[in-house]
Each structure stands twice: as C-alpha cells, then as structure tokens.
N, C-alpha and C. Protein backbone atom coordinates (compact mmCIF):
# COMPACT_ATOMS: atom_id res chain seq x y z
N MET A 1 167.31 116.62 109.37
CA MET A 1 166.26 116.54 108.58
C MET A 1 166.48 115.49 107.50
N ALA A 2 165.57 114.71 107.13
CA ALA A 2 165.87 113.59 106.16
C ALA A 2 165.80 114.06 104.63
N SER A 3 166.44 113.47 103.86
CA SER A 3 166.41 113.76 102.40
C SER A 3 165.31 112.70 101.71
N LEU A 4 164.99 113.06 100.44
CA LEU A 4 164.12 112.29 99.58
C LEU A 4 164.77 110.77 99.48
N ILE A 5 166.10 110.86 99.33
CA ILE A 5 166.68 109.39 99.06
C ILE A 5 166.75 108.66 100.53
N GLU A 6 166.75 109.28 101.65
CA GLU A 6 166.66 108.60 102.98
C GLU A 6 165.22 108.04 103.14
N VAL A 7 164.21 108.75 102.73
CA VAL A 7 162.88 108.25 102.84
C VAL A 7 162.64 107.00 101.92
N ARG A 8 163.22 107.16 100.73
CA ARG A 8 163.09 105.98 99.83
C ARG A 8 163.90 104.86 100.34
N ASP A 9 165.05 105.03 100.87
CA ASP A 9 165.84 103.93 101.55
C ASP A 9 165.29 103.29 102.72
N MET A 10 164.51 104.07 103.50
CA MET A 10 163.73 103.56 104.60
C MET A 10 162.76 102.71 104.16
N LEU A 11 162.05 103.09 103.30
CA LEU A 11 160.86 102.44 102.61
C LEU A 11 161.42 101.07 102.03
N ALA A 12 162.66 101.07 101.38
CA ALA A 12 163.20 99.82 100.88
C ALA A 12 163.64 98.93 102.02
N LEU A 13 163.97 99.45 102.97
CA LEU A 13 164.46 98.55 104.15
C LEU A 13 163.38 97.93 104.86
N GLU A 14 162.24 98.62 105.19
CA GLU A 14 161.11 98.22 105.99
C GLU A 14 159.95 97.57 105.07
N GLY A 15 160.06 97.73 103.77
CA GLY A 15 158.90 97.19 103.04
C GLY A 15 157.84 98.09 102.90
N ARG A 16 157.07 98.45 103.85
CA ARG A 16 155.96 99.53 104.02
C ARG A 16 156.00 100.06 105.36
N MET A 17 155.67 101.26 105.30
CA MET A 17 155.49 102.16 106.56
C MET A 17 154.37 103.17 106.61
N GLU A 18 153.93 103.60 107.65
CA GLU A 18 153.08 104.79 107.73
C GLU A 18 153.94 106.06 107.84
N ALA A 19 153.38 107.12 107.34
CA ALA A 19 154.05 108.48 107.33
C ALA A 19 154.52 108.80 108.64
N SER A 20 153.80 108.61 109.63
CA SER A 20 154.04 108.90 111.11
C SER A 20 155.29 108.05 111.53
N GLN A 21 155.42 106.98 111.19
CA GLN A 21 156.68 106.05 111.42
C GLN A 21 157.88 106.60 110.72
N LEU A 22 157.71 106.96 109.66
CA LEU A 22 158.87 107.44 108.89
C LEU A 22 159.24 108.92 109.59
N SER A 23 158.36 109.80 109.96
CA SER A 23 158.53 110.99 110.69
C SER A 23 159.41 110.66 111.91
N THR A 24 158.95 109.74 112.74
CA THR A 24 159.62 109.53 113.87
C THR A 24 161.02 108.88 113.80
N ARG A 25 161.03 107.98 112.83
CA ARG A 25 162.53 107.23 112.62
C ARG A 25 163.43 108.11 112.08
N LEU A 26 162.99 109.16 111.10
CA LEU A 26 163.93 109.92 110.31
C LEU A 26 164.10 111.29 111.08
N HIS A 27 163.45 111.55 112.20
CA HIS A 27 163.47 112.81 112.89
C HIS A 27 163.21 113.99 112.01
N THR A 28 162.12 113.79 111.28
CA THR A 28 161.71 114.91 110.22
C THR A 28 160.16 115.14 110.47
N PRO A 29 159.91 116.30 110.50
CA PRO A 29 158.39 116.80 110.57
C PRO A 29 157.57 116.21 109.67
N ARG A 30 156.31 115.81 110.26
CA ARG A 30 155.31 115.10 109.37
C ARG A 30 154.98 115.67 108.11
N ALA A 31 154.75 117.04 108.06
CA ALA A 31 154.48 117.67 106.84
C ALA A 31 155.51 117.58 105.81
N MET A 32 156.77 117.54 106.14
CA MET A 32 157.76 117.16 105.20
C MET A 32 157.92 115.98 104.74
N ILE A 33 157.52 114.92 105.49
CA ILE A 33 157.50 113.53 105.17
C ILE A 33 156.31 113.36 104.12
N ASP A 34 155.32 114.03 104.47
CA ASP A 34 154.03 113.82 103.54
C ASP A 34 154.39 114.54 102.15
N ALA A 35 154.99 115.51 102.11
CA ALA A 35 155.50 116.24 100.94
C ALA A 35 156.48 115.39 100.03
N MET A 36 157.43 114.70 100.75
CA MET A 36 158.30 113.83 100.10
C MET A 36 157.64 112.55 99.60
N LEU A 37 156.63 112.07 100.39
CA LEU A 37 156.03 110.84 99.79
C LEU A 37 155.25 111.22 98.73
N GLY A 38 154.57 112.30 98.77
CA GLY A 38 153.74 112.89 97.45
C GLY A 38 154.72 112.89 96.30
N ARG A 39 155.86 113.45 96.49
CA ARG A 39 156.73 113.60 95.41
C ARG A 39 157.25 112.28 94.75
N LEU A 40 157.46 111.25 95.76
CA LEU A 40 157.94 109.91 95.36
C LEU A 40 156.70 109.42 94.60
N GLU A 41 155.50 109.56 94.91
CA GLU A 41 154.40 109.01 94.39
C GLU A 41 154.19 109.62 92.91
N ALA A 42 154.37 110.90 92.84
CA ALA A 42 154.32 111.53 91.52
C ALA A 42 155.31 111.14 90.59
N MET A 43 156.48 110.85 91.11
CA MET A 43 157.58 110.19 90.18
C MET A 43 157.38 108.78 89.87
N GLY A 44 156.52 108.15 90.43
CA GLY A 44 156.12 106.54 90.32
C GLY A 44 157.14 105.66 91.05
N LYS A 45 157.62 106.26 92.11
CA LYS A 45 158.57 105.35 92.89
C LYS A 45 157.97 104.87 94.16
N ALA A 46 156.89 105.42 94.60
CA ALA A 46 156.13 104.92 95.76
C ALA A 46 154.73 104.85 95.58
N GLN A 47 154.07 104.03 96.39
CA GLN A 47 152.63 103.86 96.25
C GLN A 47 151.95 103.91 97.61
N ARG A 48 150.74 104.39 97.50
CA ARG A 48 150.11 104.63 98.82
C ARG A 48 149.08 103.23 98.92
N ILE A 49 149.06 102.81 100.15
CA ILE A 49 148.23 101.50 100.24
C ILE A 49 147.29 101.93 101.49
N GLN A 50 145.94 101.71 101.14
CA GLN A 50 145.00 101.95 102.23
C GLN A 50 144.40 100.58 102.58
N GLU A 51 144.42 100.43 103.91
CA GLU A 51 143.49 99.13 104.50
C GLU A 51 142.90 99.57 105.75
N ALA A 52 141.81 98.84 106.00
CA ALA A 52 141.07 99.00 107.28
C ALA A 52 141.68 98.43 108.39
N ALA A 53 141.83 99.21 109.52
CA ALA A 53 142.47 98.60 110.68
C ALA A 53 141.68 97.50 111.27
N ASP A 54 142.25 96.84 112.33
CA ASP A 54 141.82 95.57 112.81
C ASP A 54 140.42 95.89 113.67
N GLY A 55 140.37 97.13 114.05
CA GLY A 55 139.23 97.43 114.84
C GLY A 55 137.95 97.80 114.09
N CYS A 56 137.99 97.68 112.82
CA CYS A 56 136.76 97.97 111.91
C CYS A 56 135.77 96.84 112.08
N LEU A 57 134.59 97.03 112.72
CA LEU A 57 133.62 95.94 112.83
C LEU A 57 132.72 95.75 111.66
N THR A 58 132.47 96.68 110.90
CA THR A 58 131.53 96.56 109.77
C THR A 58 132.23 96.11 108.49
N GLY A 59 133.38 96.57 108.27
CA GLY A 59 134.10 96.30 107.00
C GLY A 59 133.57 97.16 106.00
N SER A 60 132.80 98.25 106.15
CA SER A 60 132.31 99.09 105.11
C SER A 60 132.81 100.52 105.55
N CYS A 61 134.14 100.74 105.48
CA CYS A 61 134.76 102.04 105.71
C CYS A 61 134.40 103.14 104.88
N LYS A 62 134.01 102.84 103.71
CA LYS A 62 133.59 103.87 102.72
C LYS A 62 132.47 104.71 102.98
N SER A 63 131.58 103.97 103.85
CA SER A 63 130.30 104.74 104.11
C SER A 63 130.31 104.86 105.72
N CYS A 64 131.41 104.76 106.31
CA CYS A 64 131.63 104.79 107.81
C CYS A 64 131.17 106.20 108.32
N PRO A 65 130.34 106.37 109.35
CA PRO A 65 130.01 107.53 109.85
C PRO A 65 131.26 108.23 110.57
N GLU A 66 132.18 107.51 110.94
CA GLU A 66 133.30 107.97 111.64
C GLU A 66 134.33 108.70 110.65
N GLY A 67 133.92 108.84 109.43
CA GLY A 67 134.72 109.56 108.43
C GLY A 67 136.12 108.88 108.06
N LYS A 68 136.00 107.53 107.99
CA LYS A 68 137.12 106.68 107.46
C LYS A 68 138.29 106.76 108.59
N ALA A 69 137.94 107.01 109.90
CA ALA A 69 138.84 106.98 110.90
C ALA A 69 139.69 105.69 111.04
N CYS A 70 139.01 104.49 110.58
CA CYS A 70 139.76 103.19 110.85
C CYS A 70 140.65 102.97 109.69
N LEU A 71 140.70 103.73 108.73
CA LEU A 71 141.66 103.34 107.57
C LEU A 71 143.02 103.72 107.94
N ARG A 72 143.91 102.80 107.59
CA ARG A 72 145.42 103.06 107.84
C ARG A 72 145.89 103.34 106.50
N GLU A 73 146.81 104.21 106.26
CA GLU A 73 147.62 104.53 105.07
C GLU A 73 149.01 104.13 105.15
N TRP A 74 149.49 103.27 104.28
CA TRP A 74 150.80 102.65 104.33
C TRP A 74 151.47 103.26 103.06
N TRP A 75 152.79 103.21 103.03
CA TRP A 75 153.52 103.62 101.95
C TRP A 75 154.54 102.44 101.59
N ALA A 76 154.69 102.20 100.23
CA ALA A 76 155.65 101.18 99.88
C ALA A 76 156.27 101.61 98.58
N LEU A 77 157.39 101.03 98.22
CA LEU A 77 158.08 101.37 97.07
C LEU A 77 157.32 100.57 95.83
N ARG A 78 157.35 100.91 94.67
CA ARG A 78 156.74 100.26 93.51
C ARG A 78 157.94 99.24 93.14
C-alpha cells in the first residue's frame, strides 16, 4: 500500500493523473487514494482539475442529463 509521499511523488513525476490511474500504478485501493488526494488538497499540495472528455458533444456538462458522466477528474500538484 502506498504512502502519502508516494502519491505526491507519482503526481510530481507524471504531472497530472486520475485517481484510478494512481490506484492502479501504486497498487492501492481507490478509496485510500481518494482519501490521500483529499488530504493533499486540504494541505494545499494538490489540486483537482475537471474537464469534459472528448466524447462530450454539447459542451454543456453542467446541465447534462447524464449527470456529468463525461467529466474527467485529474489531480496535479500545486
């Protein structure tokens, strides 16, 4: 299982990653990665970046009937 420092280091090496990618690469459960990312965000060390996926046809994800299914959430260091 990964530590908070390993999560930070992976973000530093890769630039930005999704939580699922971090979970896979660090062999750590997704819930634990989510908790660590939340802690890094609270400490001001990481930031959450949301963007629409390439498959978004309308570009209006905030009012999307799919419930923002096309939004991707990335994490990066500050």
